[in-house]
Amino acid sequence: MNTKSIATEVSTGCNCGCGEAIGRRAIYRPGHDAKHVSQLVAELFNTIQDGGKVTPAAITSAAKSLPSAALQAKFRRAAERLVAKAATDMKEAAK
């Protein structure tokens, strides 16, 4: 019988802010990378809803909080879609 125990080393909490424990080499719990992107997009949405303007500099600044180029690109695409939709909605409302 194999009695070898496997030690799982736990590091800090998940990068998305949920506080769940992650493994030593992990950054997120499974699926929480997308959750983090969604949270950042929701913050931009709230800014737009409150009448604020989302600038390219604000998008770049928020993207820098993500740990990989792929996640940053995913966030930028979602943010650009959100800004474009908000602009379209404002034009429709003005008619």
Protein backbone atom coordinates (compact mmCIF):
# COMPACT_ATOMS: atom_id res chain seq x y z
CA MET A 1 0.00 0.00 0.00
CA ASN A 2 1.31 3.41 -0.93
CA THR A 3 1.34 5.59 2.16
CA LYS A 4 3.05 8.50 0.52
CA SER A 5 1.23 11.68 1.47
CA ILE A 6 0.88 14.53 -0.95
CA ALA A 7 1.31 17.90 0.67
CA THR A 8 -0.57 20.72 -0.91
CA GLU A 9 1.03 24.01 -0.21
CA VAL A 10 -1.37 26.89 0.04
CA SER A 11 -0.37 30.38 -0.89
CA THR A 12 -2.31 33.61 -0.64
CA GLY A 13 -5.86 34.19 -1.73
CA CYS A 14 -7.23 34.18 -5.25
CA ASN A 15 -6.36 37.26 -7.33
CA CYS A 16 -10.03 37.94 -8.18
CA GLY A 17 -10.64 39.07 -4.61
CA CYS A 18 -12.87 36.19 -3.50
CA GLY A 19 -10.43 35.27 -0.73
CA GLU A 20 -10.38 31.55 -1.51
CA ALA A 21 -7.10 29.73 -0.98
CA ILE A 22 -5.04 28.83 -4.03
CA GLY A 23 -2.05 26.61 -4.64
CA ARG A 24 1.50 27.83 -4.36
CA ARG A 25 1.98 28.47 -8.08
CA ALA A 26 -1.59 29.51 -8.90
CA ILE A 27 -2.88 33.03 -9.34
CA TYR A 28 -6.61 32.25 -9.53
CA ARG A 29 -9.03 29.49 -8.64
CA PRO A 30 -10.36 27.77 -11.78
CA GLY A 31 -12.62 30.17 -13.67
CA HIS A 32 -11.83 33.13 -11.45
CA ASP A 33 -9.63 34.78 -14.06
CA ALA A 34 -12.76 35.43 -16.12
CA LYS A 35 -14.55 36.53 -12.96
CA HIS A 36 -11.83 39.14 -12.37
CA VAL A 37 -12.21 40.47 -15.93
CA SER A 38 -15.98 40.65 -15.45
CA GLN A 39 -15.56 42.59 -12.21
CA LEU A 40 -13.38 45.17 -13.95
CA VAL A 41 -15.86 45.51 -16.82
CA ALA A 42 -18.67 45.94 -14.28
CA GLU A 43 -16.74 48.81 -12.68
CA LEU A 44 -16.52 50.52 -16.08
CA PHE A 45 -20.24 49.91 -16.62
CA ASN A 46 -21.01 51.53 -13.27
CA THR A 47 -18.86 54.52 -14.22
CA ILE A 48 -20.85 54.94 -17.44
CA GLN A 49 -24.17 54.50 -15.61
CA ASP A 50 -23.15 57.21 -13.15
CA GLY A 51 -22.53 59.60 -16.03
CA GLY A 52 -18.76 59.30 -16.03
CA LYS A 53 -16.60 58.97 -19.09
CA VAL A 54 -14.42 55.93 -19.68
CA THR A 55 -11.18 57.00 -21.32
CA PRO A 56 -8.59 54.81 -23.06
CA ALA A 57 -6.22 55.69 -20.20
CA ALA A 58 -8.75 54.34 -17.66
CA ILE A 59 -9.07 51.12 -19.64
CA THR A 60 -5.28 50.74 -19.83
CA SER A 61 -4.92 51.43 -16.12
CA ALA A 62 -7.54 48.82 -15.19
CA ALA A 63 -5.99 46.29 -17.59
CA LYS A 64 -2.65 46.59 -15.82
CA SER A 65 -4.19 45.01 -12.72
CA LEU A 66 -4.50 41.73 -14.63
CA PRO A 67 -1.46 39.43 -14.51
CA SER A 68 -1.21 38.25 -18.11
CA ALA A 69 -1.26 39.78 -21.57
CA ALA A 70 -4.07 37.43 -22.58
CA LEU A 71 -6.32 38.58 -19.74
CA GLN A 72 -5.45 42.19 -20.43
CA ALA A 73 -6.43 41.75 -24.08
CA LYS A 74 -9.67 40.01 -23.06
CA PHE A 75 -10.50 42.92 -20.76
CA ARG A 76 -9.66 45.54 -23.40
CA ARG A 77 -11.95 43.85 -25.95
CA ALA A 78 -14.81 43.69 -23.45
CA ALA A 79 -14.23 47.30 -22.38
CA GLU A 80 -14.19 48.52 -25.99
CA ARG A 81 -17.46 46.68 -26.69
CA LEU A 82 -19.00 48.25 -23.59
CA VAL A 83 -17.91 51.77 -24.55
CA ALA A 84 -19.15 51.30 -28.13
CA LYS A 85 -22.51 50.02 -26.92
CA ALA A 86 -22.85 52.93 -24.49
CA ALA A 87 -22.12 55.39 -27.32
CA THR A 88 -24.73 53.71 -29.52
CA ASP A 89 -27.28 53.77 -26.71
CA MET A 90 -26.66 57.46 -26.11
CA LYS A 91 -27.19 58.23 -29.81
CA GLU A 92 -30.44 56.26 -29.78
CA ALA A 93 -31.63 58.08 -26.67
CA ALA A 94 -30.87 61.46 -28.27
CA LYS A 95 -33.17 60.74 -31.22
